[in-house]
Amino acid sequence: MSQRHRTDEVPLQPKQEVRAHAHSERHRIHVELQNVAQDVSAGIDPADVHEPGSAWKPEHHHDAEKAKKKLAKRSRTKRHWKTKMWKRRTLLRQERARELERARNRSGLEFS
């Protein structure tokens, strides 16, 4: 596995602890939503029920601002999938289409 994003400064939590924390977060969210659904089905007006709001969502580790900056820096002309092989295959495909068109024109058949 790649070590690119790992540093010696930040000790990693044991995998079991990370999984346990994620499980408890999912359980907490499930219980909160279940309580809201139970209150609504019991006949309480949905407007009167305390809805958890955005605070109940677990915190994401992905930094949106950082991602936006990274996208802005990336040049639009450089795309990782435009490799020489991709270009070669595109040229072959275009050439094959031209040959097929020439053959159709020579034979005089109409294709729709």
Protein backbone atom coordinates (compact mmCIF):
# COMPACT_ATOMS: atom_id res chain seq x y z
CA MET A 1 0.00 0.00 0.00
CA SER A 2 1.20 3.50 -0.74
CA GLN A 3 2.91 5.41 2.05
CA ARG A 4 2.51 8.76 0.33
CA HIS A 5 -0.07 10.19 2.74
CA ARG A 6 1.43 8.80 5.91
CA THR A 7 3.72 10.80 8.12
CA ASP A 8 5.69 9.93 11.22
CA GLU A 9 4.31 12.96 13.05
CA VAL A 10 0.73 11.67 13.23
CA PRO A 11 0.41 8.24 14.82
CA LEU A 12 -2.23 6.08 13.19
CA GLN A 13 -5.06 4.68 15.26
CA PRO A 14 -5.38 0.92 15.35
CA LYS A 15 -7.78 -0.32 12.68
CA GLN A 16 -10.05 -1.84 15.30
CA GLU A 17 -10.48 1.53 17.06
CA VAL A 18 -11.28 3.30 13.80
CA ARG A 19 -13.89 0.68 12.92
CA ALA A 20 -15.42 0.85 16.40
CA HIS A 21 -15.67 4.63 16.21
CA ALA A 22 -17.30 4.48 12.78
CA HIS A 23 -19.75 1.86 14.05
CA SER A 24 -20.75 3.95 17.05
CA GLU A 25 -21.28 6.99 14.80
CA ARG A 26 -23.52 5.03 12.45
CA HIS A 27 -25.44 3.65 15.42
CA ARG A 28 -25.89 7.12 16.93
CA ILE A 29 -27.21 8.51 13.64
CA HIS A 30 -29.55 5.56 13.21
CA VAL A 31 -30.98 6.00 16.73
CA GLU A 32 -31.50 9.75 16.22
CA LEU A 33 -33.37 9.23 12.97
CA GLN A 34 -35.35 6.33 14.43
CA ASN A 35 -36.49 8.56 17.32
CA VAL A 36 -37.68 11.22 14.88
CA ALA A 37 -39.55 8.65 12.79
CA GLN A 38 -41.10 7.14 15.91
CA ASP A 39 -42.33 10.53 17.14
CA VAL A 40 -43.87 11.37 13.76
CA SER A 41 -45.57 7.97 13.49
CA ALA A 42 -46.90 8.38 17.06
CA GLY A 43 -48.93 11.34 15.87
CA ILE A 44 -46.78 14.30 16.82
CA ASP A 45 -46.84 17.04 14.22
CA PRO A 46 -43.61 16.87 12.14
CA ALA A 47 -43.09 20.60 12.67
CA ASP A 48 -42.98 20.05 16.46
CA VAL A 49 -40.48 17.18 16.37
CA HIS A 50 -36.89 18.04 17.13
CA GLU A 51 -35.00 17.19 13.97
CA PRO A 52 -31.29 16.52 14.50
CA GLY A 53 -30.28 18.86 11.66
CA SER A 54 -26.84 18.96 10.09
CA ALA A 55 -25.07 18.50 13.44
CA TRP A 56 -25.96 14.80 13.57
CA LYS A 57 -23.94 14.04 10.46
CA PRO A 58 -20.45 12.68 11.08
CA GLU A 59 -17.61 15.02 10.28
CA HIS A 60 -15.97 14.30 6.96
CA HIS A 61 -12.21 14.25 6.76
CA HIS A 62 -12.28 15.57 3.21
CA ASP A 63 -11.51 19.29 3.12
CA ALA A 64 -13.69 20.83 0.41
CA GLU A 65 -11.72 24.08 0.25
CA LYS A 66 -8.47 22.21 -0.27
CA ALA A 67 -10.05 20.17 -3.08
CA LYS A 68 -11.36 23.31 -4.81
CA LYS A 69 -7.92 24.91 -4.70
CA LYS A 70 -6.33 21.76 -6.10
CA LEU A 71 -8.83 21.65 -8.97
CA ALA A 72 -8.25 25.31 -9.74
CA LYS A 73 -4.50 24.72 -9.95
CA ARG A 74 -4.78 21.75 -12.28
CA SER A 75 -4.45 22.66 -15.90
CA ARG A 76 -7.46 21.84 -18.02
CA THR A 77 -5.26 20.83 -20.93
CA LYS A 78 -3.54 18.06 -19.02
CA ARG A 79 -5.72 15.06 -18.55
CA HIS A 80 -4.34 11.84 -17.21
CA TRP A 81 -6.34 9.67 -19.58
CA LYS A 82 -4.97 11.32 -22.73
CA THR A 83 -2.07 9.00 -23.20
CA LYS A 84 -0.28 8.20 -26.43
CA MET A 85 -2.10 4.87 -26.56
CA TRP A 86 -5.45 6.66 -26.29
CA LYS A 87 -4.49 9.03 -29.12
CA ARG A 88 -3.26 6.17 -31.28
CA ARG A 89 -6.48 4.24 -30.80
CA THR A 90 -8.52 7.35 -31.62
CA LEU A 91 -6.60 7.89 -34.85
CA LEU A 92 -7.06 4.23 -35.81
CA ARG A 93 -10.79 4.49 -35.10
CA GLN A 94 -11.09 7.64 -37.25
CA GLU A 95 -9.10 6.06 -40.09
CA ARG A 96 -11.29 2.95 -39.95
CA ALA A 97 -14.42 5.15 -40.18
CA ARG A 98 -12.99 6.98 -43.21
CA GLU A 99 -12.18 3.68 -44.95
CA LEU A 100 -15.69 2.39 -44.28
CA GLU A 101 -17.17 5.60 -45.70
CA ARG A 102 -15.00 5.31 -48.83
CA ALA A 103 -16.07 1.68 -49.32
CA ARG A 104 -19.74 2.67 -49.02
CA ASN A 105 -19.28 5.46 -51.56
CA ARG A 106 -17.52 3.11 -54.02
CA SER A 107 -20.18 0.43 -53.78
CA GLY A 108 -23.03 2.89 -54.33
CA LEU A 109 -25.17 1.35 -51.60
CA GLU A 110 -27.29 3.54 -49.37
CA PHE A 111 -27.04 2.91 -45.61
CA SER A 112 -29.13 4.73 -43.08
